[in-house]
Amino acid sequence: KLTMLFGSLPEGAWPVAFSGGRAHVVTESPALREYADRDGIAL
């Protein structure tokens, strides 16, 4: 259900899904890069 809702999120809200200890994205954005840098993780 969440995957179907991602397209309805307001523009500028970027999903990140955690599975197997890793963070996954289907697109890139400055906000996502800033988040990854802050947490010291790879997307």
ModelCIF file with pLDDT and N, C-alpha, C, O atoms, coordinates in Angstrom:
data_MODEL
#
_entry.id   MODEL 
#
_entity.id                         1 
_entity.type                       polymer 
_entity.pdbx_number_of_molecules   1 
#
_entity_poly.entity_id                      1 
_entity_poly.type                           'polypeptide(L)' 
_entity_poly.nstd_linkage                   no 
_entity_poly.nstd_monomer                   no 
_entity_poly.pdbx_seq_one_letter_code       KLTMLFGSLPEGAWPVAFSGGRAHVVTESPALREYADRDGIAL 
_entity_poly.pdbx_seq_one_letter_code_can   KLTMLFGSLPEGAWPVAFSGGRAHVVTESPALREYADRDGIAL 
_entity_poly.pdbx_strand_id                 A 
#
loop_
_entity_poly_seq.entity_id 
_entity_poly_seq.num 
_entity_poly_seq.mon_id 
_entity_poly_seq.hetero 
1 1  LYS n 
1 2  LEU n 
1 3  THR n 
1 4  MET n 
1 5  LEU n 
1 6  PHE n 
1 7  GLY n 
1 8  SER n 
1 9  LEU n 
1 10 PRO n 
1 11 GLU n 
1 12 GLY n 
1 13 ALA n 
1 14 TRP n 
1 15 PRO n 
1 16 VAL n 
1 17 ALA n 
1 18 PHE n 
1 19 SER n 
1 20 GLY n 
1 21 GLY n 
1 22 ARG n 
1 23 ALA n 
1 24 HIS n 
1 25 VAL n 
1 26 VAL n 
1 27 THR n 
1 28 GLU n 
1 29 SER n 
1 30 PRO n 
1 31 ALA n 
1 32 LEU n 
1 33 ARG n 
1 34 GLU n 
1 35 TYR n 
1 36 ALA n 
1 37 ASP n 
1 38 ARG n 
1 39 ASP n 
1 40 GLY n 
1 41 ILE n 
1 42 ALA n 
1 43 LEU n 
#
_struct_asym.id          A 
_struct_asym.entity_id   1 
#
loop_
_ma_qa_metric.id 
_ma_qa_metric.mode 
_ma_qa_metric.name 
_ma_qa_metric.software_group_id 
_ma_qa_metric.type 
1 global pLDDT . pLDDT 
2 local  pLDDT . pLDDT 
#
_ma_qa_metric_global.metric_id      1 
_ma_qa_metric_global.metric_value   95.49 
_ma_qa_metric_global.model_id       1 
_ma_qa_metric_global.ordinal_id     1 
#
loop_
_ma_qa_metric_local.label_asym_id 
_ma_qa_metric_local.label_comp_id 
_ma_qa_metric_local.label_seq_id 
_ma_qa_metric_local.metric_id 
_ma_qa_metric_local.metric_value 
_ma_qa_metric_local.model_id 
_ma_qa_metric_local.ordinal_id 
A LYS 1  2 95.00 1 1  
A LEU 2  2 96.00 1 2  
A THR 3  2 96.00 1 3  
A MET 4  2 95.00 1 4  
A LEU 5  2 95.00 1 5  
A PHE 6  2 96.00 1 6  
A GLY 7  2 93.00 1 7  
A SER 8  2 95.00 1 8  
A LEU 9  2 96.00 1 9  
A PRO 10 2 96.00 1 10 
A GLU 11 2 96.00 1 11 
A GLY 12 2 97.00 1 12 
A ALA 13 2 98.00 1 13 
A TRP 14 2 98.00 1 14 
A PRO 15 2 98.00 1 15 
A VAL 16 2 98.00 1 16 
A ALA 17 2 98.00 1 17 
A PHE 18 2 97.00 1 18 
A SER 19 2 96.00 1 19 
A GLY 20 2 90.00 1 20 
A GLY 21 2 89.00 1 21 
A ARG 22 2 93.00 1 22 
A ALA 23 2 97.00 1 23 
A HIS 24 2 98.00 1 24 
A VAL 25 2 98.00 1 25 
A VAL 26 2 97.00 1 26 
A THR 27 2 96.00 1 27 
A GLU 28 2 95.00 1 28 
A SER 29 2 97.00 1 29 
A PRO 30 2 97.00 1 30 
A ALA 31 2 97.00 1 31 
A LEU 32 2 98.00 1 32 
A ARG 33 2 97.00 1 33 
A GLU 34 2 96.00 1 34 
A TYR 35 2 96.00 1 35 
A ALA 36 2 95.00 1 36 
A ASP 37 2 94.00 1 37 
A ARG 38 2 91.00 1 38 
A ASP 39 2 91.00 1 39 
A GLY 40 2 90.00 1 40 
A ILE 41 2 93.00 1 41 
A ALA 42 2 95.00 1 42 
A LEU 43 2 97.00 1 43 
#
loop_
_atom_site.group_PDB 
_atom_site.id 
_atom_site.type_symbol 
_atom_site.label_atom_id 
_atom_site.label_alt_id 
_atom_site.label_comp_id 
_atom_site.label_asym_id 
_atom_site.label_entity_id 
_atom_site.label_seq_id 
_atom_site.pdbx_PDB_ins_code 
_atom_site.Cartn_x 
_atom_site.Cartn_y 
_atom_site.Cartn_z 
_atom_site.occupancy 
_atom_site.B_iso_or_equiv 
_atom_site.pdbx_formal_charge 
_atom_site.auth_seq_id 
_atom_site.auth_comp_id 
_atom_site.auth_asym_id 
_atom_site.auth_atom_id 
_atom_site.pdbx_PDB_model_num 
ATOM 1   N N  . LYS A 1 1  ? 0.827  -1.204 0.000  1.00 95.00 ? 1  LYS A N  1 
ATOM 2   C CA . LYS A 1 1  ? 0.000  0.000  0.000  1.00 95.00 ? 1  LYS A CA 1 
ATOM 3   C C  . LYS A 1 1  ? 0.858  1.250  0.000  1.00 95.00 ? 1  LYS A C  1 
ATOM 4   O O  . LYS A 1 1  ? 0.559  2.209  -0.711 1.00 95.00 ? 1  LYS A O  1 
ATOM 5   N N  . LEU A 1 2  ? 1.917  1.248  0.787  1.00 96.00 ? 2  LEU A N  1 
ATOM 6   C CA . LEU A 1 2  ? 2.793  2.417  0.841  1.00 96.00 ? 2  LEU A CA 1 
ATOM 7   C C  . LEU A 1 2  ? 3.411  2.699  -0.528 1.00 96.00 ? 2  LEU A C  1 
ATOM 8   O O  . LEU A 1 2  ? 3.489  3.855  -0.945 1.00 96.00 ? 2  LEU A O  1 
ATOM 9   N N  . THR A 1 3  ? 3.846  1.661  -1.224 1.00 96.00 ? 3  THR A N  1 
ATOM 10  C CA . THR A 1 3  ? 4.460  1.894  -2.533 1.00 96.00 ? 3  THR A CA 1 
ATOM 11  C C  . THR A 1 3  ? 3.469  2.541  -3.501 1.00 96.00 ? 3  THR A C  1 
ATOM 12  O O  . THR A 1 3  ? 3.862  3.328  -4.363 1.00 96.00 ? 3  THR A O  1 
ATOM 13  N N  . MET A 1 4  ? 2.193  2.210  -3.357 1.00 95.00 ? 4  MET A N  1 
ATOM 14  C CA . MET A 1 4  ? 1.182  2.834  -4.219 1.00 95.00 ? 4  MET A CA 1 
ATOM 15  C C  . MET A 1 4  ? 0.917  4.283  -3.818 1.00 95.00 ? 4  MET A C  1 
ATOM 16  O O  . MET A 1 4  ? 0.474  5.088  -4.638 1.00 95.00 ? 4  MET A O  1 
ATOM 17  N N  . LEU A 1 5  ? 1.190  4.612  -2.556 1.00 95.00 ? 5  LEU A N  1 
ATOM 18  C CA . LEU A 1 5  ? 0.946  5.970  -2.074 1.00 95.00 ? 5  LEU A CA 1 
ATOM 19  C C  . LEU A 1 5  ? 2.089  6.929  -2.374 1.00 95.00 ? 5  LEU A C  1 
ATOM 20  O O  . LEU A 1 5  ? 1.906  8.146  -2.329 1.00 95.00 ? 5  LEU A O  1 
ATOM 21  N N  . PHE A 1 6  ? 3.262  6.395  -2.679 1.00 96.00 ? 6  PHE A N  1 
ATOM 22  C CA . PHE A 1 6  ? 4.421  7.269  -2.857 1.00 96.00 ? 6  PHE A CA 1 
ATOM 23  C C  . PHE A 1 6  ? 4.178  8.327  -3.933 1.00 96.00 ? 6  PHE A C  1 
ATOM 24  O O  . PHE A 1 6  ? 4.652  9.457  -3.815 1.00 96.00 ? 6  PHE A O  1 
ATOM 25  N N  . GLY A 1 7  ? 3.449  7.965  -4.967 1.00 93.00 ? 7  GLY A N  1 
ATOM 26  C CA . GLY A 1 7  ? 3.159  8.926  -6.028 1.00 93.00 ? 7  GLY A CA 1 
ATOM 27  C C  . GLY A 1 7  ? 2.197  10.019 -5.608 1.00 93.00 ? 7  GLY A C  1 
ATOM 28  O O  . GLY A 1 7  ? 2.080  11.038 -6.288 1.00 93.00 ? 7  GLY A O  1 
ATOM 29  N N  . SER A 1 8  ? 1.498  9.816  -4.482 1.00 95.00 ? 8  SER A N  1 
ATOM 30  C CA . SER A 1 8  ? 0.548  10.806 -3.982 1.00 95.00 ? 8  SER A CA 1 
ATOM 31  C C  . SER A 1 8  ? 1.148  11.734 -2.934 1.00 95.00 ? 8  SER A C  1 
ATOM 32  O O  . SER A 1 8  ? 0.492  12.673 -2.482 1.00 95.00 ? 8  SER A O  1 
ATOM 33  N N  . LEU A 1 9  ? 2.385  11.474 -2.550 1.00 96.00 ? 9  LEU A N  1 
ATOM 34  C CA . LEU A 1 9  ? 3.028  12.354 -1.577 1.00 96.00 ? 9  LEU A CA 1 
ATOM 35  C C  . LEU A 1 9  ? 3.240  13.737 -2.186 1.00 96.00 ? 9  LEU A C  1 
ATOM 36  O O  . LEU A 1 9  ? 3.396  13.855 -3.402 1.00 96.00 ? 9  LEU A O  1 
ATOM 37  N N  . PRO A 1 10 ? 3.248  14.769 -1.372 1.00 96.00 ? 10 PRO A N  1 
ATOM 38  C CA . PRO A 1 10 ? 3.490  16.106 -1.920 1.00 96.00 ? 10 PRO A CA 1 
ATOM 39  C C  . PRO A 1 10 ? 4.857  16.182 -2.579 1.00 96.00 ? 10 PRO A C  1 
ATOM 40  O O  . PRO A 1 10 ? 5.798  15.507 -2.161 1.00 96.00 ? 10 PRO A O  1 
ATOM 41  N N  . GLU A 1 11 ? 4.957  17.002 -3.604 1.00 96.00 ? 11 GLU A N  1 
ATOM 42  C CA . GLU A 1 11 ? 6.234  17.168 -4.277 1.00 96.00 ? 11 GLU A CA 1 
ATOM 43  C C  . GLU A 1 11 ? 7.273  17.690 -3.285 1.00 96.00 ? 11 GLU A C  1 
ATOM 44  O O  . GLU A 1 11 ? 7.041  18.681 -2.593 1.00 96.00 ? 11 GLU A O  1 
ATOM 45  N N  . GLY A 1 12 ? 8.407  17.020 -3.227 1.00 97.00 ? 12 GLY A N  1 
ATOM 46  C CA . GLY A 1 12 ? 9.426  17.413 -2.254 1.00 97.00 ? 12 GLY A CA 1 
ATOM 47  C C  . GLY A 1 12 ? 9.478  16.500 -1.051 1.00 97.00 ? 12 GLY A C  1 
ATOM 48  O O  . GLY A 1 12 ? 10.246 16.756 -0.124 1.00 97.00 ? 12 GLY A O  1 
ATOM 49  N N  . ALA A 1 13 ? 8.668  15.418 -1.036 1.00 98.00 ? 13 ALA A N  1 
ATOM 50  C CA . ALA A 1 13 ? 8.731  14.395 0.012  1.00 98.00 ? 13 ALA A CA 1 
ATOM 51  C C  . ALA A 1 13 ? 9.298  13.130 -0.632 1.00 98.00 ? 13 ALA A C  1 
ATOM 52  O O  . ALA A 1 13 ? 8.689  12.572 -1.544 1.00 98.00 ? 13 ALA A O  1 
ATOM 53  N N  . TRP A 1 14 ? 10.437 12.688 -0.172 1.00 98.00 ? 14 TRP A N  1 
ATOM 54  C CA . TRP A 1 14 ? 11.209 11.641 -0.826 1.00 98.00 ? 14 TRP A CA 1 
ATOM 55  C C  . TRP A 1 14 ? 11.264 10.383 0.032  1.00 98.00 ? 14 TRP A C  1 
ATOM 56  O O  . TRP A 1 14 ? 11.803 10.428 1.138  1.00 98.00 ? 14 TRP A O  1 
ATOM 57  N N  . PRO A 1 15 ? 10.721 9.259  -0.445 1.00 98.00 ? 15 PRO A N  1 
ATOM 58  C CA . PRO A 1 15 ? 10.740 8.020  0.354  1.00 98.00 ? 15 PRO A CA 1 
ATOM 59  C C  . PRO A 1 15 ? 12.113 7.350  0.377  1.00 98.00 ? 15 PRO A C  1 
ATOM 60  O O  . PRO A 1 15 ? 12.853 7.355  -0.606 1.00 98.00 ? 15 PRO A O  1 
ATOM 61  N N  . VAL A 1 16 ? 12.421 6.777  1.531  1.00 98.00 ? 16 VAL A N  1 
ATOM 62  C CA . VAL A 1 16 ? 13.603 5.937  1.712  1.00 98.00 ? 16 VAL A CA 1 
ATOM 63  C C  . VAL A 1 16 ? 13.119 4.672  2.415  1.00 98.00 ? 16 VAL A C  1 
ATOM 64  O O  . VAL A 1 16 ? 12.493 4.753  3.472  1.00 98.00 ? 16 VAL A O  1 
ATOM 65  N N  . ALA A 1 17 ? 13.401 3.515  1.843  1.00 98.00 ? 17 ALA A N  1 
ATOM 66  C CA . ALA A 1 17 ? 12.967 2.248  2.443  1.00 98.00 ? 17 ALA A CA 1 
ATOM 67  C C  . ALA A 1 17 ? 14.177 1.495  2.978  1.00 98.00 ? 17 ALA A C  1 
ATOM 68  O O  . ALA A 1 17 ? 15.193 1.358  2.295  1.00 98.00 ? 17 ALA A O  1 
ATOM 69  N N  . PHE A 1 18 ? 14.052 1.010  4.211  1.00 97.00 ? 18 PHE A N  1 
ATOM 70  C CA . PHE A 1 18 ? 15.141 0.281  4.854  1.00 97.00 ? 18 PHE A CA 1 
ATOM 71  C C  . PHE A 1 18 ? 14.828 -1.214 4.826  1.00 97.00 ? 18 PHE A C  1 
ATOM 72  O O  . PHE A 1 18 ? 13.774 -1.659 5.282  1.00 97.00 ? 18 PHE A O  1 
ATOM 73  N N  . SER A 1 19 ? 15.767 -1.967 4.283  1.00 96.00 ? 19 SER A N  1 
ATOM 74  C CA . SER A 1 19 ? 15.628 -3.418 4.209  1.00 96.00 ? 19 SER A CA 1 
ATOM 75  C C  . SER A 1 19 ? 17.014 -4.031 4.268  1.00 96.00 ? 19 SER A C  1 
ATOM 76  O O  . SER A 1 19 ? 17.938 -3.567 3.600  1.00 96.00 ? 19 SER A O  1 
ATOM 77  N N  . GLY A 1 20 ? 17.156 -5.084 5.077  1.00 90.00 ? 20 GLY A N  1 
ATOM 78  C CA . GLY A 1 20 ? 18.446 -5.750 5.179  1.00 90.00 ? 20 GLY A CA 1 
ATOM 79  C C  . GLY A 1 20 ? 19.546 -4.864 5.714  1.00 90.00 ? 20 GLY A C  1 
ATOM 80  O O  . GLY A 1 20 ? 20.718 -5.069 5.397  1.00 90.00 ? 20 GLY A O  1 
ATOM 81  N N  . GLY A 1 21 ? 19.186 -3.881 6.521  1.00 89.00 ? 21 GLY A N  1 
ATOM 82  C CA . GLY A 1 21 ? 20.182 -2.988 7.087  1.00 89.00 ? 21 GLY A CA 1 
ATOM 83  C C  . GLY A 1 21 ? 20.646 -1.895 6.148  1.00 89.00 ? 21 GLY A C  1 
ATOM 84  O O  . GLY A 1 21 ? 21.569 -1.153 6.485  1.00 89.00 ? 21 GLY A O  1 
ATOM 85  N N  . ARG A 1 22 ? 20.029 -1.770 4.968  1.00 93.00 ? 22 ARG A N  1 
ATOM 86  C CA . ARG A 1 22 ? 20.429 -0.756 3.996  1.00 93.00 ? 22 ARG A CA 1 
ATOM 87  C C  . ARG A 1 22 ? 19.265 0.181  3.679  1.00 93.00 ? 22 ARG A C  1 
ATOM 88  O O  . ARG A 1 22 ? 18.094 -0.173 3.818  1.00 93.00 ? 22 ARG A O  1 
ATOM 89  N N  . ALA A 1 23 ? 19.631 1.389  3.246  1.00 97.00 ? 23 ALA A N  1 
ATOM 90  C CA . ALA A 1 23 ? 18.641 2.393  2.856  1.00 97.00 ? 23 ALA A CA 1 
ATOM 91  C C  . ALA A 1 23 ? 18.533 2.420  1.337  1.00 97.00 ? 23 ALA A C  1 
ATOM 92  O O  . ALA A 1 23 ? 19.537 2.531  0.635  1.00 97.00 ? 23 ALA A O  1 
ATOM 93  N N  . HIS A 1 24 ? 17.298 2.318  0.837  1.00 98.00 ? 24 HIS A N  1 
ATOM 94  C CA . HIS A 1 24 ? 17.081 2.231  -0.600 1.00 98.00 ? 24 HIS A CA 1 
ATOM 95  C C  . HIS A 1 24 ? 16.220 3.386  -1.099 1.00 98.00 ? 24 HIS A C  1 
ATOM 96  O O  . HIS A 1 24 ? 15.277 3.808  -0.431 1.00 98.00 ? 24 HIS A O  1 
ATOM 97  N N  . VAL A 1 25 ? 16.562 3.890  -2.290 1.00 98.00 ? 25 VAL A N  1 
ATOM 98  C CA . VAL A 1 25 ? 15.795 4.960  -2.930 1.00 98.00 ? 25 VAL A CA 1 
ATOM 99  C C  . VAL A 1 25 ? 15.625 4.612  -4.409 1.00 98.00 ? 25 VAL A C  1 
ATOM 100 O O  . VAL A 1 25 ? 16.377 3.812  -4.966 1.00 98.00 ? 25 VAL A O  1 
ATOM 101 N N  . VAL A 1 26 ? 14.620 5.233  -5.029 1.00 97.00 ? 26 VAL A N  1 
ATOM 102 C CA . VAL A 1 26 ? 14.443 5.042  -6.466 1.00 97.00 ? 26 VAL A CA 1 
ATOM 103 C C  . VAL A 1 26 ? 14.777 6.313  -7.240 1.00 97.00 ? 26 VAL A C  1 
ATOM 104 O O  . VAL A 1 26 ? 14.769 6.311  -8.471 1.00 97.00 ? 26 VAL A O  1 
ATOM 105 N N  . THR A 1 27 ? 15.066 7.386  -6.533 1.00 96.00 ? 27 THR A N  1 
ATOM 106 C CA . THR A 1 27 ? 15.447 8.639  -7.167 1.00 96.00 ? 27 THR A CA 1 
ATOM 107 C C  . THR A 1 27 ? 16.448 9.350  -6.286 1.00 96.00 ? 27 THR A C  1 
ATOM 108 O O  . THR A 1 27 ? 16.743 8.885  -5.185 1.00 96.00 ? 27 THR A O  1 
ATOM 109 N N  . GLU A 1 28 ? 16.970 10.460 -6.747 1.00 95.00 ? 28 GLU A N  1 
ATOM 110 C CA . GLU A 1 28 ? 17.923 11.246 -5.979 1.00 95.00 ? 28 GLU A CA 1 
ATOM 111 C C  . GLU A 1 28 ? 17.413 12.673 -5.831 1.00 95.00 ? 28 GLU A C  1 
ATOM 112 O O  . GLU A 1 28 ? 16.649 13.161 -6.663 1.00 95.00 ? 28 GLU A O  1 
ATOM 113 N N  . SER A 1 29 ? 17.843 13.331 -4.770 1.00 97.00 ? 29 SER A N  1 
ATOM 114 C CA . SER A 1 29 ? 17.487 14.727 -4.546 1.00 97.00 ? 29 SER A CA 1 
ATOM 115 C C  . SER A 1 29 ? 18.489 15.331 -3.576 1.00 97.00 ? 29 SER A C  1 
ATOM 116 O O  . SER A 1 29 ? 19.152 14.594 -2.847 1.00 97.00 ? 29 SER A O  1 
ATOM 117 N N  . PRO A 1 30 ? 18.617 16.649 -3.549 1.00 97.00 ? 30 PRO A N  1 
ATOM 118 C CA . PRO A 1 30 ? 19.510 17.276 -2.564 1.00 97.00 ? 30 PRO A CA 1 
ATOM 119 C C  . PRO A 1 30 ? 19.135 16.922 -1.126 1.00 97.00 ? 30 PRO A C  1 
ATOM 120 O O  . PRO A 1 30 ? 20.014 16.723 -0.288 1.00 97.00 ? 30 PRO A O  1 
ATOM 121 N N  . ALA A 1 31 ? 17.825 16.842 -0.835 1.00 97.00 ? 31 ALA A N  1 
ATOM 122 C CA . ALA A 1 31 ? 17.395 16.505 0.526  1.00 97.00 ? 31 ALA A CA 1 
ATOM 123 C C  . ALA A 1 31 ? 17.844 15.102 0.905  1.00 97.00 ? 31 ALA A C  1 
ATOM 124 O O  . ALA A 1 31 ? 18.260 14.871 2.041  1.00 97.00 ? 31 ALA A O  1 
ATOM 125 N N  . LEU A 1 32 ? 17.767 14.174 -0.022 1.00 98.00 ? 32 LEU A N  1 
ATOM 126 C CA . LEU A 1 32 ? 18.210 12.808 0.261  1.00 98.00 ? 32 LEU A CA 1 
ATOM 127 C C  . LEU A 1 32 ? 19.719 12.745 0.455  1.00 98.00 ? 32 LEU A C  1 
ATOM 128 O O  . LEU A 1 32 ? 20.205 12.032 1.333  1.00 98.00 ? 32 LEU A O  1 
ATOM 129 N N  . ARG A 1 33 ? 20.465 13.493 -0.365 1.00 97.00 ? 33 ARG A N  1 
ATOM 130 C CA . ARG A 1 33 ? 21.921 13.504 -0.205 1.00 97.00 ? 33 ARG A CA 1 
ATOM 131 C C  . ARG A 1 33 ? 22.309 14.120 1.134  1.00 97.00 ? 33 ARG A C  1 
ATOM 132 O O  . ARG A 1 33 ? 23.237 13.647 1.791  1.00 97.00 ? 33 ARG A O  1 
ATOM 133 N N  . GLU A 1 34 ? 21.610 15.166 1.539  1.00 96.00 ? 34 GLU A N  1 
ATOM 134 C CA . GLU A 1 34 ? 21.888 15.789 2.828  1.00 96.00 ? 34 GLU A CA 1 
ATOM 135 C C  . GLU A 1 34 ? 21.589 14.826 3.974  1.00 96.00 ? 34 GLU A C  1 
ATOM 136 O O  . GLU A 1 34 ? 22.348 14.740 4.939  1.00 96.00 ? 34 GLU A O  1 
ATOM 137 N N  . TYR A 1 35 ? 20.470 14.102 3.856  1.00 96.00 ? 35 TYR A N  1 
ATOM 138 C CA . TYR A 1 35 ? 20.115 13.113 4.878  1.00 96.00 ? 35 TYR A CA 1 
ATOM 139 C C  . TYR A 1 35 ? 21.185 12.034 4.975  1.00 96.00 ? 35 TYR A C  1 
ATOM 140 O O  . TYR A 1 35 ? 21.613 11.690 6.077  1.00 96.00 ? 35 TYR A O  1 
ATOM 141 N N  . ALA A 1 36 ? 21.624 11.493 3.840  1.00 95.00 ? 36 ALA A N  1 
ATOM 142 C CA . ALA A 1 36 ? 22.631 10.436 3.841  1.00 95.00 ? 36 ALA A CA 1 
ATOM 143 C C  . ALA A 1 36 ? 23.940 10.938 4.429  1.00 95.00 ? 36 ALA A C  1 
ATOM 144 O O  . ALA A 1 36 ? 24.606 10.218 5.173  1.00 95.00 ? 36 ALA A O  1 
ATOM 145 N N  . ASP A 1 37 ? 24.310 12.167 4.100  1.00 94.00 ? 37 ASP A N  1 
ATOM 146 C CA . ASP A 1 37 ? 25.545 12.735 4.632  1.00 94.00 ? 37 ASP A CA 1 
ATOM 147 C C  . ASP A 1 37 ? 25.457 12.924 6.130  1.00 94.00 ? 37 ASP A C  1 
ATOM 148 O O  . ASP A 1 37 ? 26.413 12.654 6.858  1.00 94.00 ? 37 ASP A O  1 
ATOM 149 N N  . ARG A 1 38 ? 24.321 13.385 6.585  1.00 91.00 ? 38 ARG A N  1 
ATOM 150 C CA . ARG A 1 38 ? 24.147 13.619 8.023  1.00 91.00 ? 38 ARG A CA 1 
ATOM 151 C C  . ARG A 1 38 ? 24.262 12.318 8.806  1.00 91.00 ? 38 ARG A C  1 
ATOM 152 O O  . ARG A 1 38 ? 24.896 12.282 9.861  1.00 91.00 ? 38 ARG A O  1 
ATOM 153 N N  . ASP A 1 39 ? 23.650 11.242 8.293  1.00 91.00 ? 39 ASP A N  1 
ATOM 154 C CA . ASP A 1 39 ? 23.674 9.962  9.002  1.00 91.00 ? 39 ASP A CA 1 
ATOM 155 C C  . ASP A 1 39 ? 24.910 9.127  8.678  1.00 91.00 ? 39 ASP A C  1 
ATOM 156 O O  . ASP A 1 39 ? 25.141 8.090  9.301  1.00 91.00 ? 39 ASP A O  1 
ATOM 157 N N  . GLY A 1 40 ? 25.700 9.574  7.711  1.00 90.00 ? 40 GLY A N  1 
ATOM 158 C CA . GLY A 1 40 ? 26.900 8.820  7.366  1.00 90.00 ? 40 GLY A CA 1 
ATOM 159 C C  . GLY A 1 40 ? 26.599 7.478  6.744  1.00 90.00 ? 40 GLY A C  1 
ATOM 160 O O  . GLY A 1 40 ? 27.290 6.495  7.011  1.00 90.00 ? 40 GLY A O  1 
ATOM 161 N N  . ILE A 1 41 ? 25.555 7.428  5.901  1.00 93.00 ? 41 ILE A N  1 
ATOM 162 C CA . ILE A 1 41 ? 25.168 6.166  5.276  1.00 93.00 ? 41 ILE A CA 1 
ATOM 163 C C  . ILE A 1 41 ? 25.155 6.309  3.762  1.00 93.00 ? 41 ILE A C  1 
ATOM 164 O O  . ILE A 1 41 ? 25.160 7.421  3.234  1.00 93.00 ? 41 ILE A O  1 
ATOM 165 N N  . ALA A 1 42 ? 25.138 5.185  3.072  1.00 95.00 ? 42 ALA A N  1 
ATOM 166 C CA . ALA A 1 42 ? 24.995 5.163  1.620  1.00 95.00 ? 42 ALA A CA 1 
ATOM 167 C C  . ALA A 1 42 ? 23.541 4.881  1.267  1.00 95.00 ? 42 ALA A C  1 
ATOM 168 O O  . ALA A 1 42 ? 22.884 4.075  1.926  1.00 95.00 ? 42 ALA A O  1 
ATOM 169 N N  . LEU A 1 43 ? 23.049 5.530  0.248  1.00 97.00 ? 43 LEU A N  1 
ATOM 170 C CA . LEU A 1 43 ? 21.713 5.258  -0.272 1.00 97.00 ? 43 LEU A CA 1 
ATOM 171 C C  . LEU A 1 43 ? 21.856 4.365  -1.495 1.00 97.00 ? 43 LEU A C  1 
ATOM 172 O O  . LEU A 1 43 ? 20.856 3.998  -2.112 1.00 97.00 ? 43 LEU A O  1 
#
